[in-house]
Every structure is written in structure tokens, then in C-alpha cells.
Amino acid sequence: MFRYNSTLVSGLAPGPYLFEVVVDLMEPREPVTPTVGNISPDLNQPAVRQLDRPTEPKKLHQKESSLFIQLIREGIELVVVTLVLLIVIRWAIAEARYIPSSSMEPTLQISDRLLVEKWSGHFGQPVKRGDILVFYPPPVEVGGKDLSYAPLSWLGRATGLPFLPNEPAFIKRCIGLPGDRIRVQKGVGVFINGELLDESLYTKERPNYDLNNLCDIGGRSSTGVLIRPYEDSKGSVVVPPGHLFMMGDNRNNSEDSHVWGFLDQKRVVGRACLLFWRRLDAPLYPRFLDEGIQER
């Protein structure tokens, strides 16, 4: 292609005209496909497509899946942390219990809620006569079944969660310590090493049974079975080392040591220390035993 340039070049003599030959090389180029959005400034590069709409549902699905997984992970972490804290608190500090029976009346009423402390046992504080203890009864009292250490059973004892397996626990008052000689006289009371124990402040009534020898220990268990764990023994009732003699304050309505014998201290859960809830219509009992007898 030739193009005529009529511009006079400065500094040259007038007359002649300069002609400039401009060669325009017309190279073939690929057609550019129209796009939506910004067009790439480099014509040698293919146009950049900005059509992101088709990929939005996929990204949204990925975000929802990631959020769901995160929620599941946080939920599992919350459950694990809660269980660990619950186990540590119940094992090291205290746990709450409720009273399901009348065996500790008048001291404790049915449906009472109380706190059972654990720290004294961990610090080696010995059990004292008169302490109210929560414990797992001997196997002879619950049909010969001992504590299960299956994972779910252990977790049930450690957490106290109602939907997990839970072995029954008793609550009684400690009457005899290791080495004590126990005797119960019908209509009189409990003798410890030959001395009558003053229980007028907490017992509901005097016992209506005698307990002089080991063979006298026995009666109906909580499962309704007649048991006599020391049927062939004629010896005195002496608490062996590492064991306790437990009795309910409602002496004539309690499955306690006069029925199933001595309690291994390893089965003690803790010591009742605080009564924090009682129903308002709980029955009233005389503070002193003698007052109740005179009123009858």
C-alpha cells in the first residue's frame, strides 16, 4: 500500500516533494470471540472468560459441607471436654445424690438431694463413727453381682448419666469401725464394745431384733432373697480390718449390715456433707426418741 505524504520536510529546498512509502504488513489474525466481562488487553492471548455463575452452586455446596463438618467436629469436642470435666469433678471433688427410700428416716427423707464429697478420702481422712456414707453394697446384697468394669458400666459410675448403666448405691450411717465389737439388743439399742450407743438424736425407733453372733446376721435383701452370709459362724460380731459396720437410721426398715454383713471400705463412694433440697411436705419426726415413745 502506497501513501502520499504532502508534508514539506523542513530544511529541504522547495520544489521536490518527498514521497514516503509506507508498507503496511497485513498479517492474518485469529478472530476474537466476544466475551462477557473484562476483555484481556493482550490480543495475542485468548480472551479471559468471566462467566463464574455456573461454578457458584459447586462452591456453595463445598462451603455447606465444610460448615457441617466443622459443626460435627466442634460438637464432638464439646462432648469430650464435658465428659472429662464431669469425671474429674465427680472423682476428685463431689457428686450429687438423691434419696430413693426411707431407710435413713428421719435424718434423710425420700427425694432429698444431697452433696457427697470425695476430697476427704483422697487426702486420707479416716472414716469416723456417725459419718453418713454413700457406697456400693456387697455382692451378696444385690444377687451376687459385683461391680462391672465394662466400658459403659464404668462410664455410668464415673459420670452418673441416667442413660448409662448404673449399679445401685446405698446410703447408711457408719456405726462400727475396724476392731469394734457390735451387739444389738431388741428394744434397747446398739452396743459398741459393751457400751450403749446414744442415738436418740437421729434414729427413728429402737431396733426390734437381736444381733449377738455372726450367725444372727441375715434377712431379706433388696432383691427379696433371704440371705445369711455367716450362717455357720458362732463368733462375735467384730468388724474386720478395712471394713465398716453400716446401719440405717430407720433401723427396722433398712437393708444394712445387720442383713448383709460388713462393708469393704474400698466400696465407699463418699461422705454426705450437704443437704441442698427437700420437699416442703416432708413428714415430721420427733427429735428425741423418748418424746416419740411418750406420744404413742
Foldseek 3Di string as FASTA:
>chain_A
DFDADQDDDPPDDPDDGDGDGDDDDDDDDDDADDEPDDFDPDRVDHTDHPPCVVCVVVVVVVVVVVVVVVVVVVVVVVVVVVLVVLLCCLQAFKDKDAACDCLAPPVHFHGFIFIFTHNCVVVPNDDDAFFKFKFQDDCVQVVNDDQDPDPQSVSCVRRVDPVTDYHDIDIFGFHFDAFWFWWADAQQAIATNRHHDDDFQGAQGHHHDTAFALLQQWDQHPVRDTDRPPNPGGHTQGHHPQWTFTGHSDRHPDDGCSHVNIGRNVRTSGTTDGGDDDDPPTDDGDRGHVVVVVVD
